[in-house]
Every structure is written in C-alpha cells, then in structure tokens.
Amino acid sequence: MNHGIFSSTRRHAAWLLITLGTACAGTAFAQDKAPELRVLTHSSFALPKPLLAQFEKEAGVKLRISKAGDAGEMLNKLILTRKAPVADVVFGIDNALAAKALAADVLDAYAGPAASRESLAALPAPLVPVDYGYVTINYDKAWFAKHKRALPATLEDLAQPATARLLVVQNPATSSTGYGFLLATIGALGEEKAFDWWARMRKGGMKVAKGWSEAYYADFSRAEGGTRPLVVSYSTSPAAEVFYSKEKISESPTASLAIPGAVYRQVEGIALVKGGGAQVAAAKLIEFMRSPEVQKQMQTEMWMYPVDAAVARADVMKFAPEPAQADAPAEKDLADKGAAWVARWTKVVLK
C-alpha cells in the first residue's frame, strides 16, 4: 500500500519534471529563434553577408529579404498586398516612383535620426534617402575606336539613323532604368518634342530590352554576341567594369556619355511599410542603411553613390565621375502624368 502510494508520487514527480523541462526547453528555443524582419527590395540589393549578419546580431532579428525584380515591380507588389503587407520595411523606391508610392499610401511615417540627417540627395518623407546615381548612356570604347565613329554629343545626334540603331534602351514599363531615361528626355525637351524624338529613334532602329540585365549583358557589344555599342546604363557602370575585370586593368573599357537630356539623377530610399510589423527592428534597419559602413560598402555592391557626404568614395569610383547636369520633369507633372507617359511611350515605340 505504501509502496503503491510512493510509486504514484514518483510517477507524478517525474511527469512534472518532464513537463517543466519541456516547457523550459521550448522557452529556450523560442529565445534562441530570433524574430523575423521582412525586407522587400529590388533585385539589385546587395550588401556583404558579414555586414548583414552583424546587423542581425545587434538588432536581435533574422532578416528575410525578398527581392521582387525591378524597382517598379517591387512597388507594384507592395501596392497589391497593402491589405496584408508582405514586408515590414522596403528599400529601393526612388524619386521616379516616390509619387506613386505616396499616392498608394503604402508607407508609414518615420522620425528617427536618419530622417533628419544631412544628405547629398533628398526624397519626400517618409522615404529616407540611402544612395543616388545617374541613369545615362554608356559606350563601348573599343567598338567606336575600331569603327572610327564619332560619339554622339546631343539627342539630335542620337536620333540620326546611323546612330539610333547603335543604341539599346530599356522598356520604361518594366524597368526603372528605362523609366529614368524616358523622364530625362521629357525633362529636357518637354512632352511633345520628347515623344517626337522617341518616334524618330524607333524609326532609326533603336532596340528595346525588357530590363537592364538583358540590355547590358545580351545586347551591349561588350557582351558575347551583343551588337549595340551604346546602352542605357549608369554612370558607375565603367567603375564596375574595372572592379569585376578578370585581369588587372588601369582603364575602363566603357565610359558614360553625359549628353544633355539623356541623364537622370536617381535617388533610392528606405521606408517603413504601412501595416507591417516589427517596427522597432525596421527602424534599426533604416538607421543601419545610413551607417558609415553600409554607405561605404554599398558603393561596390550596388554601384551607387553614398548620400552621406562624410563617407569617402571607393578608389574605383574614380572611373565613375558624376555628370554635371541631369534632367527631369517637375515633381507635380511626374506625379500626375507618369503613368500616361509610359502608356504613350509604349504606343509610340512598341506599337
């Protein structure tokens, strides 16, 4: 009898210890498993893995980075999922897309230190500027030297049939690079003259690619099988050519053309997503993207210029001088007419 009571008590104690142990183990596991911070960005987002790991450790989160293609595709995804946000923070909305993002009301207010920090480039709140660059035409030096062709110096030069067929551009409906280039021409020429120019470019044999990668890595004459020695790209592309060259070279095989009306200044930013969670961690990421180390590393990862004036330029950026002039429509016109311009471009150039 006593033995029976004793056995029952021991079984209960053992059950209690197992239950408590399981609960404690579960708690420890929950503590070890850091909460997720969902980041939506474009396909060009890149930072060194050790730097991202350092952020995760210091912020106590696990980054889940979702790349949604081009910046325009990324914003469309954010808008389509606004009732059930797929991210807590978004990086890569630029000045060309800012008006669309604000009109869709998909961004949340942010008042942390980065929001008021001095910057070389500006974006409308609640976007916090992170980097900037220039959409511009790049050319293949060897091709022009071999064919003894003069470089175009104006939009009028580009529209000549002998030159128009040398250029590949990106579709502004599917590429932020192509959209920036379209905006530069409208900013310089005005809407009517710009679309007249685009019609002449089509007639002259200009090629249209879906996005930057296709244009640069397939159609540009620097690519294997490419035939177009002029490509819409970035002012930093020549520096990237040097940086990634398999052989040590002292001069870039490409250069950018600062043709008036063919240069667009692009500013990229980061913002909280309206309705997203993990706002404390998301705020830490915003500050992290404006930190000196990120501003330094992103130059040779995303090939953009840092907005923090105190951050030194990477040595290779000597091959990426900033254009002295860039063109763009007025902000109000961009907000009111941006979609209509893309639709008109599609009709003029593709149909």
Protein backbone atom coordinates (compact mmCIF):
# COMPACT_ATOMS: atom_id res chain seq x y z
CA MET A 1 0.00 0.00 0.00
CA ASN A 2 2.66 2.45 1.00
CA HIS A 3 4.71 1.21 -1.89
CA GLY A 4 1.85 1.93 -4.24
CA ILE A 5 1.39 5.45 -2.95
CA PHE A 6 5.15 6.07 -3.23
CA SER A 7 5.25 4.79 -6.82
CA SER A 8 2.33 7.02 -7.79
CA THR A 9 4.02 10.04 -6.25
CA ARG A 10 7.26 9.34 -8.09
CA ARG A 11 5.42 8.96 -11.40
CA HIS A 12 3.70 12.30 -10.82
CA ALA A 13 7.00 13.95 -9.91
CA ALA A 14 8.67 12.51 -12.99
CA TRP A 15 5.79 13.72 -15.18
CA LEU A 16 6.07 17.17 -13.59
CA LEU A 17 9.83 17.31 -14.20
CA ILE A 18 9.42 16.21 -17.82
CA THR A 19 6.65 18.75 -18.37
CA LEU A 20 8.65 21.56 -16.79
CA GLY A 21 11.76 20.51 -18.70
CA THR A 22 9.89 20.51 -21.99
CA ALA A 23 8.42 23.91 -21.22
CA CYS A 24 11.83 25.31 -20.31
CA ALA A 25 13.37 23.83 -23.46
CA GLY A 26 10.57 25.35 -25.51
CA THR A 27 11.18 28.73 -23.89
CA ALA A 28 14.90 28.47 -24.56
CA PHE A 29 14.20 27.54 -28.20
CA ALA A 30 11.83 30.48 -28.55
CA GLN A 31 14.50 32.77 -27.12
CA ASP A 32 17.13 31.35 -29.50
CA LYS A 33 14.88 31.79 -32.52
CA ALA A 34 15.13 35.48 -33.33
CA PRO A 35 12.02 37.25 -34.66
CA GLU A 36 11.90 37.89 -38.40
CA LEU A 37 12.29 41.25 -40.07
CA ARG A 38 10.71 41.14 -43.53
CA VAL A 39 12.52 43.32 -46.07
CA LEU A 40 11.16 43.93 -49.57
CA THR A 41 13.67 45.19 -52.11
CA HIS A 42 14.59 45.18 -55.78
CA SER A 43 16.81 42.55 -57.37
CA SER A 44 19.91 44.77 -57.28
CA PHE A 45 20.03 44.97 -53.49
CA ALA A 46 23.36 43.66 -52.20
CA LEU A 47 25.48 44.04 -49.09
CA PRO A 48 28.28 41.80 -47.72
CA LYS A 49 26.90 38.82 -45.77
CA PRO A 50 29.10 39.52 -42.70
CA LEU A 51 27.69 43.05 -42.53
CA LEU A 52 24.11 41.77 -42.67
CA ALA A 53 24.93 39.12 -40.06
CA GLN A 54 26.32 41.83 -37.81
CA PHE A 55 23.06 43.74 -38.09
CA GLU A 56 21.05 40.63 -37.25
CA LYS A 57 23.14 40.02 -34.15
CA GLU A 58 22.96 43.62 -32.91
CA ALA A 59 19.26 44.04 -33.71
CA GLY A 60 18.30 40.58 -32.43
CA VAL A 61 16.40 39.67 -35.59
CA LYS A 62 16.59 37.35 -38.56
CA LEU A 63 16.42 39.15 -41.90
CA ARG A 64 14.07 37.74 -44.52
CA ILE A 65 14.97 39.62 -47.68
CA SER A 66 12.54 39.28 -50.59
CA LYS A 67 13.75 40.53 -53.96
CA ALA A 68 10.82 41.48 -56.19
CA GLY A 69 12.54 42.15 -59.51
CA ASP A 70 12.84 45.71 -60.79
CA ALA A 71 12.00 48.63 -58.50
CA GLY A 72 8.76 49.20 -60.38
CA GLU A 73 7.73 45.56 -59.95
CA MET A 74 8.67 45.79 -56.28
CA LEU A 75 6.41 48.80 -55.71
CA ASN A 76 3.56 47.15 -57.59
CA LYS A 77 3.86 44.12 -55.30
CA LEU A 78 3.76 46.40 -52.25
CA ILE A 79 0.62 48.11 -53.55
CA LEU A 80 -1.15 44.86 -54.45
CA THR A 81 -0.52 43.41 -50.97
CA ARG A 82 -1.26 46.53 -48.91
CA LYS A 83 -4.24 44.89 -47.15
CA ALA A 84 -1.93 42.12 -45.93
CA PRO A 85 1.62 43.57 -46.16
CA VAL A 86 4.35 41.16 -47.21
CA ALA A 87 7.10 43.27 -45.64
CA ASP A 88 7.89 45.44 -42.63
CA VAL A 89 10.35 47.71 -44.42
CA VAL A 90 11.01 48.44 -48.10
CA PHE A 91 14.23 49.54 -49.80
CA GLY A 92 14.63 50.78 -53.37
CA ILE A 93 11.72 53.14 -54.02
CA ASP A 94 13.32 56.03 -55.90
CA ASN A 95 12.40 59.60 -56.79
CA ALA A 96 10.74 58.44 -60.00
CA LEU A 97 8.43 56.10 -58.06
CA ALA A 98 8.01 58.12 -54.86
CA ALA A 99 4.86 59.92 -56.02
CA LYS A 100 3.19 56.60 -56.90
CA ALA A 101 4.13 55.13 -53.51
CA LEU A 102 2.78 58.15 -51.64
CA ALA A 103 -0.46 58.16 -53.63
CA ALA A 104 -0.96 54.47 -52.83
CA ASP A 105 -0.45 55.19 -49.10
CA VAL A 106 1.76 52.12 -48.53
CA LEU A 107 4.47 53.81 -46.45
CA ASP A 108 4.47 54.69 -42.75
CA ALA A 109 5.88 57.78 -41.03
CA TYR A 110 9.40 57.61 -39.62
CA ALA A 111 11.00 60.20 -37.34
CA GLY A 112 14.29 58.54 -36.35
CA PRO A 113 17.68 60.30 -36.62
CA ALA A 114 18.24 59.19 -40.24
CA ALA A 115 15.09 61.03 -41.33
CA SER A 116 16.61 64.41 -40.47
CA ARG A 117 20.29 63.66 -41.13
CA GLU A 118 22.04 65.84 -43.71
CA SER A 119 22.07 64.18 -47.10
CA LEU A 120 23.53 64.78 -50.55
CA ALA A 121 20.21 63.76 -52.10
CA ALA A 122 16.63 64.20 -50.97
CA LEU A 123 13.37 62.23 -51.12
CA PRO A 124 9.88 63.13 -49.92
CA ALA A 125 9.00 61.83 -46.45
CA PRO A 126 8.53 59.20 -45.22
CA LEU A 127 11.25 57.87 -47.54
CA VAL A 128 14.77 58.19 -46.10
CA PRO A 129 17.44 58.64 -48.81
CA VAL A 130 20.17 56.00 -48.86
CA ASP A 131 22.04 56.33 -52.18
CA TYR A 132 21.95 58.05 -55.54
CA GLY A 133 23.21 57.52 -59.06
CA TYR A 134 22.76 58.60 -62.66
CA VAL A 135 20.98 56.82 -65.49
CA THR A 136 23.00 57.67 -68.59
CA ILE A 137 24.25 56.22 -71.86
CA ASN A 138 27.39 54.05 -71.75
CA TYR A 139 29.53 53.28 -74.78
CA ASP A 140 31.97 50.56 -75.81
CA LYS A 141 35.32 52.32 -76.31
CA ALA A 142 36.85 49.59 -78.46
CA TRP A 143 33.88 49.48 -80.84
CA PHE A 144 33.97 53.22 -81.51
CA ALA A 145 37.77 53.18 -81.94
CA LYS A 146 37.63 50.21 -84.34
CA HIS A 147 34.88 51.73 -86.48
CA LYS A 148 36.32 55.26 -86.26
CA ARG A 149 32.93 56.64 -85.34
CA ALA A 150 32.39 59.97 -83.57
CA LEU A 151 30.50 59.78 -80.29
CA PRO A 152 27.04 61.40 -80.21
CA ALA A 153 27.03 64.65 -78.25
CA THR A 154 23.34 65.60 -78.38
CA LEU A 155 19.93 63.96 -78.52
CA GLU A 156 19.77 65.12 -82.13
CA ASP A 157 22.97 63.20 -82.88
CA LEU A 158 21.42 60.10 -81.31
CA ALA A 159 18.31 60.39 -83.47
CA GLN A 160 20.28 60.15 -86.70
CA PRO A 161 19.55 56.72 -88.27
CA ALA A 162 23.23 55.76 -88.37
CA THR A 163 23.43 56.27 -84.59
CA ALA A 164 19.93 55.31 -83.43
CA ARG A 165 20.49 51.70 -84.49
CA LEU A 166 23.56 51.52 -82.24
CA LEU A 167 21.52 52.09 -79.06
CA VAL A 168 19.65 49.68 -76.80
CA VAL A 169 17.27 51.10 -74.18
CA GLN A 170 15.05 49.51 -71.53
CA ASN A 171 11.25 49.46 -71.60
CA PRO A 172 10.07 52.10 -69.05
CA ALA A 173 7.00 49.97 -68.31
CA THR A 174 9.21 47.18 -66.94
CA SER A 175 12.46 48.88 -65.98
CA SER A 176 13.26 51.74 -63.61
CA THR A 177 16.40 52.40 -65.69
CA GLY A 178 14.31 52.80 -68.81
CA TYR A 179 11.79 54.93 -66.94
CA GLY A 180 14.52 57.25 -65.70
CA PHE A 181 15.85 57.67 -69.23
CA LEU A 182 12.36 58.48 -70.52
CA LEU A 183 11.93 61.09 -67.79
CA ALA A 184 15.27 62.70 -68.68
CA THR A 185 14.17 63.22 -72.28
CA ILE A 186 10.83 64.71 -71.21
CA GLY A 187 12.53 66.96 -68.67
CA ALA A 188 14.91 68.30 -71.31
CA LEU A 189 12.66 68.53 -74.37
CA GLY A 190 9.14 68.81 -72.99
CA GLU A 191 6.49 66.16 -73.56
CA GLU A 192 5.64 66.73 -77.23
CA LYS A 193 9.20 67.14 -78.52
CA ALA A 194 10.35 64.20 -76.40
CA PHE A 195 7.85 61.82 -77.97
CA ASP A 196 8.69 63.12 -81.42
CA TRP A 197 12.30 62.25 -80.61
CA TRP A 198 11.32 58.76 -79.44
CA ALA A 199 9.37 58.20 -82.67
CA ARG A 200 12.49 59.09 -84.66
CA MET A 201 14.56 56.72 -82.51
CA ARG A 202 12.16 53.89 -83.26
CA LYS A 203 12.26 54.66 -86.98
CA GLY A 204 16.07 54.77 -86.83
CA GLY A 205 16.33 51.24 -85.44
CA MET A 206 16.84 51.68 -81.70
CA LYS A 207 16.39 48.39 -79.82
CA VAL A 208 14.24 47.94 -76.71
CA ALA A 209 15.08 45.41 -73.98
CA LYS A 210 12.81 44.41 -71.09
CA GLY A 211 15.29 45.36 -68.38
CA TRP A 212 18.83 46.47 -67.58
CA SER A 213 20.36 42.98 -67.35
CA GLU A 214 19.08 41.98 -70.79
CA ALA A 215 20.28 45.23 -72.35
CA TYR A 216 23.74 45.20 -70.75
CA TYR A 217 24.56 41.50 -70.71
CA ALA A 218 22.96 40.43 -74.00
CA ASP A 219 22.58 43.39 -76.38
CA PHE A 220 25.51 45.66 -75.46
CA SER A 221 28.54 45.00 -77.69
CA ARG A 222 30.70 44.30 -74.63
CA ALA A 223 28.63 41.15 -74.08
CA GLU A 224 29.23 37.97 -76.02
CA GLY A 225 27.03 38.18 -79.10
CA GLY A 226 25.97 41.76 -78.34
CA THR A 227 25.85 44.18 -81.28
CA ARG A 228 24.86 47.55 -79.78
CA PRO A 229 27.81 49.75 -78.69
CA LEU A 230 25.50 52.22 -76.91
CA VAL A 231 23.42 51.16 -73.90
CA VAL A 232 21.34 52.99 -71.31
CA SER A 233 23.02 52.15 -68.02
CA TYR A 234 24.58 54.05 -65.09
CA SER A 235 27.46 56.47 -64.64
CA THR A 236 29.02 53.92 -62.26
CA SER A 237 29.00 51.05 -64.79
CA PRO A 238 32.52 51.85 -66.08
CA ALA A 239 33.82 51.56 -62.49
CA ALA A 240 32.10 48.19 -62.13
CA GLU A 241 33.77 47.03 -65.35
CA VAL A 242 37.18 47.72 -63.76
CA PHE A 243 36.22 46.22 -60.39
CA TYR A 244 34.98 42.93 -61.85
CA SER A 245 37.60 42.57 -64.59
CA LYS A 246 39.37 39.18 -64.50
CA GLU A 247 42.59 40.95 -65.48
CA LYS A 248 44.03 43.94 -63.65
CA ILE A 249 43.27 46.96 -65.82
CA SER A 250 44.06 50.64 -65.36
CA GLU A 251 41.33 51.97 -67.65
CA SER A 252 37.69 51.02 -68.08
CA PRO A 253 36.67 49.53 -71.44
CA THR A 254 33.49 51.61 -71.25
CA ALA A 255 32.60 55.19 -70.37
CA SER A 256 29.41 57.14 -69.82
CA LEU A 257 28.14 59.95 -72.02
CA ALA A 258 26.75 62.97 -70.22
CA ILE A 259 24.55 64.00 -73.15
CA PRO A 260 22.12 66.82 -72.21
CA GLY A 261 18.65 65.33 -71.98
CA ALA A 262 19.99 61.78 -71.58
CA VAL A 263 20.93 61.86 -67.88
CA TYR A 264 18.56 61.20 -64.99
CA ARG A 265 19.53 61.50 -61.33
CA GLN A 266 18.09 58.60 -59.37
CA VAL A 267 17.78 58.68 -55.56
CA GLU A 268 16.87 55.49 -53.69
CA GLY A 269 15.34 55.33 -50.24
CA ILE A 270 14.11 53.12 -47.44
CA ALA A 271 10.82 53.33 -45.52
CA LEU A 272 8.55 51.56 -43.06
CA VAL A 273 5.71 49.65 -44.68
CA LYS A 274 2.26 50.73 -43.55
CA GLY A 275 0.61 47.90 -41.63
CA GLY A 276 3.86 45.97 -41.37
CA GLY A 277 5.13 44.59 -38.09
CA ALA A 278 8.49 44.60 -36.28
CA GLN A 279 8.66 48.39 -36.42
CA VAL A 280 11.39 48.65 -33.78
CA ALA A 281 13.65 46.34 -35.78
CA ALA A 282 12.61 48.02 -39.05
CA ALA A 283 13.65 51.39 -37.61
CA LYS A 284 17.04 49.88 -36.73
CA LEU A 285 17.45 48.77 -40.34
CA ILE A 286 16.72 52.30 -41.58
CA GLU A 287 19.45 53.66 -39.32
CA PHE A 288 21.76 50.82 -40.37
CA MET A 289 21.38 51.71 -44.07
CA ARG A 290 22.60 55.22 -43.28
CA SER A 291 25.54 53.99 -41.19
CA PRO A 292 29.08 54.80 -42.47
CA GLU A 293 29.95 51.13 -43.04
CA VAL A 294 26.90 50.47 -45.22
CA GLN A 295 27.42 53.75 -47.08
CA LYS A 296 30.97 52.62 -47.80
CA GLN A 297 30.24 49.01 -48.79
CA MET A 298 27.22 49.69 -50.98
CA GLN A 299 29.38 51.59 -53.47
CA THR A 300 30.96 48.40 -54.78
CA GLU A 301 27.92 46.21 -54.09
CA MET A 302 25.04 48.21 -55.57
CA TRP A 303 27.16 50.68 -57.54
CA MET A 304 25.52 53.83 -56.26
CA TYR A 305 26.98 56.94 -54.63
CA PRO A 306 26.57 57.35 -50.84
CA VAL A 307 24.28 60.13 -49.64
CA ASP A 308 26.46 60.71 -46.58
CA ALA A 309 28.98 63.40 -47.55
CA ALA A 310 31.36 62.30 -44.78
CA VAL A 311 31.82 58.84 -46.32
CA ALA A 312 34.82 58.57 -48.63
CA ARG A 313 34.37 57.32 -52.16
CA ALA A 314 35.78 53.91 -53.02
CA ASP A 315 39.00 54.15 -55.07
CA VAL A 316 37.39 52.52 -58.10
CA MET A 317 34.81 55.30 -58.22
CA LYS A 318 37.41 57.47 -59.96
CA PHE A 319 36.14 55.70 -63.08
CA ALA A 320 32.63 56.95 -62.31
CA PRO A 321 32.62 60.76 -62.39
CA GLU A 322 29.26 62.35 -61.68
CA PRO A 323 27.61 64.10 -64.64
CA ALA A 324 27.45 67.86 -64.25
CA GLN A 325 23.83 68.02 -65.40
CA ALA A 326 20.72 65.87 -65.16
CA ASP A 327 17.18 66.45 -66.41
CA ALA A 328 13.78 65.53 -65.00
CA PRO A 329 10.17 66.73 -65.24
CA ALA A 330 8.63 68.79 -62.45
CA GLU A 331 7.57 66.66 -59.47
CA LYS A 332 3.90 67.53 -59.92
CA ASP A 333 3.97 66.58 -63.60
CA LEU A 334 5.70 63.34 -62.71
CA ALA A 335 3.03 62.52 -60.14
CA ASP A 336 0.15 63.47 -62.43
CA LYS A 337 1.41 62.18 -65.78
CA GLY A 338 3.97 59.45 -65.11
CA ALA A 339 1.66 56.55 -65.93
CA ALA A 340 0.29 58.32 -69.01
CA TRP A 341 3.82 58.96 -70.28
CA VAL A 342 4.67 55.27 -70.04
CA ALA A 343 1.47 54.38 -71.88
CA ARG A 344 2.25 56.94 -74.60
CA TRP A 345 5.83 55.68 -74.90
CA THR A 346 4.50 52.14 -75.37
CA LYS A 347 2.19 53.32 -78.14
CA VAL A 348 4.87 55.42 -79.87
CA VAL A 349 7.78 52.98 -79.61
CA LEU A 350 6.33 49.47 -79.46
CA LYS A 351 3.03 49.56 -81.32
